[in-house]
Protein backbone atom coordinates (compact mmCIF):
# COMPACT_ATOMS: atom_id res chain seq x y z
CA MET A 1 -22.72 -5.38 -34.91
CA ALA A 2 -24.12 -4.44 -31.50
CA ARG A 3 -21.65 -3.99 -28.68
CA PHE A 4 -21.87 -6.54 -25.87
CA GLU A 5 -22.42 -4.98 -22.46
CA PRO A 6 -21.85 -7.30 -19.48
CA SER A 7 -24.95 -7.39 -17.27
CA VAL A 8 -24.70 -6.60 -13.56
CA VAL A 9 -26.87 -6.75 -10.45
CA VAL A 10 -25.92 -4.20 -7.77
CA ALA A 11 -26.67 -4.66 -4.06
CA ASP A 12 -26.33 -2.14 -1.23
CA GLU A 13 -28.68 -1.15 1.56
CA SER A 14 -28.31 2.54 0.65
CA PRO A 15 -30.44 3.71 -2.32
CA LEU A 16 -27.96 6.53 -2.90
CA LEU A 17 -24.99 4.16 -3.13
CA ARG A 18 -26.91 1.80 -5.40
CA ALA A 19 -27.70 4.70 -7.71
CA GLY A 20 -24.07 5.80 -7.66
CA LEU A 21 -22.80 2.31 -8.47
CA THR A 22 -25.36 1.97 -11.25
CA ALA A 23 -24.27 5.24 -12.86
CA LEU A 24 -20.59 4.40 -12.47
CA LEU A 25 -20.94 0.92 -13.97
CA ALA A 26 -23.05 2.27 -16.83
CA ARG A 27 -20.28 4.72 -17.69
CA GLY A 28 -17.87 1.79 -17.66
CA GLY A 29 -19.88 -0.12 -20.28
CA TYR A 30 -21.95 -2.37 -18.00
CA GLN A 31 -25.71 -2.88 -18.17
CA VAL A 32 -27.22 -2.84 -14.68
CA VAL A 33 -30.23 -5.16 -14.93
CA GLY A 34 -31.27 -5.17 -11.29
CA ASP A 35 -30.54 -3.92 -7.80
CA ALA A 36 -31.22 -5.04 -4.25
CA SER A 37 -31.12 -3.76 -0.69
CA ASP A 38 -30.83 -7.07 1.18
CA GLY A 39 -29.74 -10.66 0.68
CA ASP A 40 -33.11 -12.13 -0.29
CA ARG A 41 -33.73 -9.41 -2.85
CA LEU A 42 -30.24 -9.93 -4.25
CA VAL A 43 -30.88 -13.65 -4.77
CA GLN A 44 -34.24 -12.88 -6.38
CA ALA A 45 -32.80 -10.21 -8.68
CA VAL A 46 -30.05 -12.55 -9.83
CA THR A 47 -32.53 -15.41 -10.33
CA ASP A 48 -34.74 -13.13 -12.44
CA THR A 49 -32.03 -11.62 -14.62
CA MET A 50 -29.08 -14.07 -14.53
CA PRO A 51 -26.41 -11.38 -14.93
CA SER A 52 -22.78 -12.01 -15.78
CA LEU A 53 -21.66 -10.17 -12.65
CA VAL A 54 -22.80 -9.24 -9.13
CA VAL A 55 -21.43 -6.23 -7.26
CA THR A 56 -22.52 -6.28 -3.62
CA ASP A 57 -21.77 -4.75 -0.26
CA ALA A 58 -20.35 -7.40 2.10
CA ARG A 59 -22.81 -6.71 4.92
CA LEU A 60 -26.08 -5.46 3.41
CA GLY A 61 -26.86 -4.27 6.93
CA GLN A 62 -26.45 -7.61 8.72
CA VAL A 63 -22.97 -8.97 9.39
CA ASP A 64 -22.05 -10.73 6.11
CA GLU A 65 -25.47 -11.02 4.46
CA GLY A 66 -24.16 -9.68 1.16
CA ILE A 67 -21.40 -12.28 0.94
CA THR A 68 -23.73 -15.11 1.94
CA ALA A 69 -26.29 -14.11 -0.69
CA ALA A 70 -23.65 -13.65 -3.39
CA LEU A 71 -22.21 -17.08 -2.74
CA ARG A 72 -25.70 -18.61 -2.83
CA VAL A 73 -26.18 -17.35 -6.37
CA HIS A 74 -22.59 -18.23 -7.24
CA GLU A 75 -23.39 -21.85 -6.41
CA LYS A 76 -26.41 -21.79 -8.74
CA ALA A 77 -24.50 -20.02 -11.53
CA PRO A 78 -20.80 -20.84 -10.94
CA GLU A 79 -19.69 -18.93 -14.02
CA MET A 80 -21.06 -15.67 -12.60
CA GLY A 81 -18.51 -13.13 -11.39
CA ILE A 82 -18.75 -11.79 -7.82
CA VAL A 83 -17.33 -8.48 -6.58
CA VAL A 84 -17.69 -7.92 -2.82
CA LEU A 85 -17.21 -4.42 -1.40
CA GLY A 86 -16.11 -4.43 2.23
CA ALA A 87 -16.18 -1.38 4.52
CA SER A 88 -13.68 -3.23 6.72
CA ILE A 89 -10.72 -5.49 6.04
CA ALA A 90 -12.13 -8.38 8.07
CA THR A 91 -10.25 -11.43 6.81
CA THR A 92 -13.10 -13.74 7.75
CA TYR A 93 -15.21 -11.96 5.13
CA ALA A 94 -12.53 -12.31 2.48
CA ALA A 95 -11.99 -15.98 3.36
CA LYS A 96 -15.66 -16.70 2.64
CA VAL A 97 -15.41 -15.08 -0.77
CA PHE A 98 -12.45 -17.22 -1.81
CA ALA A 99 -13.97 -20.40 -0.38
CA SER A 100 -16.39 -20.33 -3.32
CA THR A 101 -16.33 -23.32 -5.65
CA GLY A 102 -17.51 -21.40 -8.71
CA THR A 103 -15.59 -20.80 -11.91
CA GLY A 104 -16.46 -17.13 -12.36
CA GLY A 105 -14.19 -14.28 -11.32
CA LEU A 106 -13.98 -13.25 -7.67
CA GLY A 107 -13.08 -9.91 -6.15
CA TYR A 108 -12.81 -8.45 -2.64
CA LEU A 109 -12.37 -4.66 -2.62
CA ARG A 110 -12.43 -1.93 -0.04
CA LYS A 111 -15.67 0.01 -0.42
CA SER A 112 -13.65 3.21 -0.53
CA ARG A 113 -12.11 1.94 -3.79
CA VAL A 114 -15.35 2.82 -5.59
CA GLY A 115 -14.40 6.49 -5.37
CA ALA A 116 -11.24 5.81 -7.38
CA THR A 117 -13.21 5.22 -10.56
CA PRO A 118 -10.49 3.92 -12.93
CA HIS A 119 -9.17 1.50 -10.29
CA PHE A 120 -12.65 0.26 -9.44
CA LEU A 121 -13.69 -0.27 -13.05
CA ASP A 122 -10.39 -1.99 -13.80
CA ALA A 123 -10.95 -4.41 -10.91
CA VAL A 124 -14.54 -5.08 -11.97
CA GLY A 125 -13.40 -5.69 -15.53
CA ARG A 126 -10.80 -8.19 -14.38
CA VAL A 127 -13.39 -10.08 -12.32
CA ALA A 128 -15.78 -10.03 -15.28
CA SER A 129 -13.07 -11.69 -17.37
CA GLY A 130 -12.68 -14.46 -14.79
CA GLU A 131 -9.79 -13.21 -12.67
CA VAL A 132 -9.33 -13.22 -8.90
CA VAL A 133 -8.79 -9.71 -7.50
CA VAL A 134 -7.82 -8.64 -3.97
CA ASP A 135 -7.63 -4.93 -3.19
CA PRO A 136 -3.97 -3.92 -2.55
CA GLU A 137 -5.12 -1.79 0.38
CA VAL A 138 -6.59 -4.88 2.02
CA ILE A 139 -3.27 -6.70 1.66
CA ASP A 140 -1.35 -3.65 2.88
CA ARG A 141 -3.28 -3.13 6.09
CA MET A 142 -3.67 -6.83 6.74
CA ARG A 143 0.07 -7.46 6.58
CA GLU A 144 0.93 -4.46 8.76
CA THR A 145 -1.50 -5.51 11.48
CA ALA A 146 -0.44 -9.16 11.24
CA ARG A 147 3.22 -8.14 11.56
CA ASP A 148 2.45 -6.53 14.91
CA ALA A 149 0.69 -9.67 16.08
CA ASP A 150 3.59 -11.88 14.89
CA VAL A 151 1.31 -14.32 13.07
CA PHE A 152 3.34 -14.74 9.89
CA SER A 153 4.99 -17.80 11.43
CA THR A 154 1.66 -19.60 11.08
CA LEU A 155 1.75 -19.30 7.28
CA THR A 156 3.33 -21.97 5.11
CA MET A 157 6.15 -21.11 2.73
CA ARG A 158 3.73 -21.17 -0.22
CA GLU A 159 1.26 -18.92 1.58
CA ASN A 160 4.03 -16.44 2.40
CA GLU A 161 5.15 -16.47 -1.24
CA ALA A 162 1.61 -15.85 -2.47
CA LEU A 163 1.08 -13.02 0.02
CA ALA A 164 4.36 -11.38 -0.98
CA LEU A 165 3.39 -11.47 -4.66
CA LEU A 166 -0.03 -10.04 -3.86
CA ALA A 167 1.64 -7.24 -1.92
CA SER A 168 3.79 -6.49 -4.97
CA GLU A 169 0.59 -6.32 -7.07
CA PHE A 170 1.57 -9.23 -9.32
CA PRO A 171 -1.26 -10.10 -11.73
CA TYR A 172 -3.54 -12.94 -10.70
CA ARG A 173 -2.50 -15.12 -13.62
CA ALA A 174 1.20 -14.64 -12.85
CA ILE A 175 0.72 -15.77 -9.25
CA ALA A 176 -1.57 -18.65 -10.15
CA THR A 177 0.73 -20.03 -12.84
CA SER A 178 4.01 -19.54 -10.97
CA LEU A 179 2.96 -21.05 -7.63
CA PHE A 180 -0.05 -23.28 -8.33
CA THR A 181 -1.22 -25.89 -10.81
CA ASN A 182 -4.71 -24.40 -11.11
CA ARG A 183 -6.84 -21.45 -10.06
CA ARG A 184 -8.73 -23.40 -7.41
CA GLN A 185 -5.51 -24.08 -5.50
CA TYR A 186 -4.79 -20.35 -5.53
CA GLU A 187 -8.25 -19.49 -4.19
CA LEU A 188 -7.96 -22.07 -1.41
CA CYS A 189 -4.56 -20.65 -0.50
CA LEU A 190 -6.04 -17.14 -0.25
CA GLY A 191 -8.82 -18.43 1.98
CA GLU A 192 -6.30 -20.10 4.28
CA ILE A 193 -4.18 -16.94 4.47
CA PHE A 194 -7.14 -14.80 5.48
CA LEU A 195 -8.35 -17.34 8.03
CA LYS A 196 -4.91 -17.69 9.63
CA LEU A 197 -4.39 -13.96 9.91
CA GLY A 198 -7.83 -13.72 11.48
CA LEU A 199 -8.32 -9.94 11.51
CA PRO A 200 -11.66 -8.78 13.01
CA PRO A 201 -14.09 -6.39 11.24
CA ASN A 202 -13.11 -3.32 13.27
CA VAL A 203 -9.34 -3.62 12.81
CA GLU A 204 -9.15 -0.48 10.68
CA HIS A 205 -10.35 1.59 13.63
CA ARG A 206 -7.41 0.52 15.72
CA ARG A 207 -4.61 1.24 13.28
CA PRO A 208 -4.20 3.81 10.49
CA PRO A 209 -3.41 2.63 6.96
CA THR A 210 0.21 2.31 5.91
CA PRO A 211 1.63 2.87 2.42
CA LEU A 212 2.02 -0.13 0.16
CA THR A 213 5.65 0.80 -0.39
CA HIS A 214 6.32 0.38 3.32
CA MET A 215 4.76 -3.08 3.25
CA ARG A 216 6.93 -4.12 0.32
CA SER A 217 10.04 -3.24 2.28
């Protein structure tokens, strides 16, 4: 019996990065059926091929064009998984990802995560299976910066609990089942957390990363 290979469309404005992602995903057992360099081409590639997964840069050269395009196709095919790669930890970007009303998996990863091949492929695999994935580095740096700005008081008790479990790298299903009645509630909670913390796109240039172990303490 032939082995099933999940199909993927890759989007990045850099041809070199698209080629690298294509090769990496192919080694991980994915069939890259299309690629794109901007939002319109991403929508067209997805419309033409109807993949099971989209892996896209958040910006595609223009603010959040990659996220906007990915969510457009997610609305048309809600079962499709979306992995967004952000060069920054801008929480407004992440909030848009988790505001999606689709049923497919969702992921927001630091673009630098691609270089850590096993971690990247693991995250993509989890999104392909329908999970919600947030890069631990995003949570780490977001919490450290937010601590300095003293904004944790704006979070509800449930949002603080969810953020603490994310920081401890609890699996998506464990968080969703222990704190929420369904996945959609969890996604909405994530969106609210990112919006309340409100970190701008260039925050990583103002503060160096801190270890996850420090955040847990």
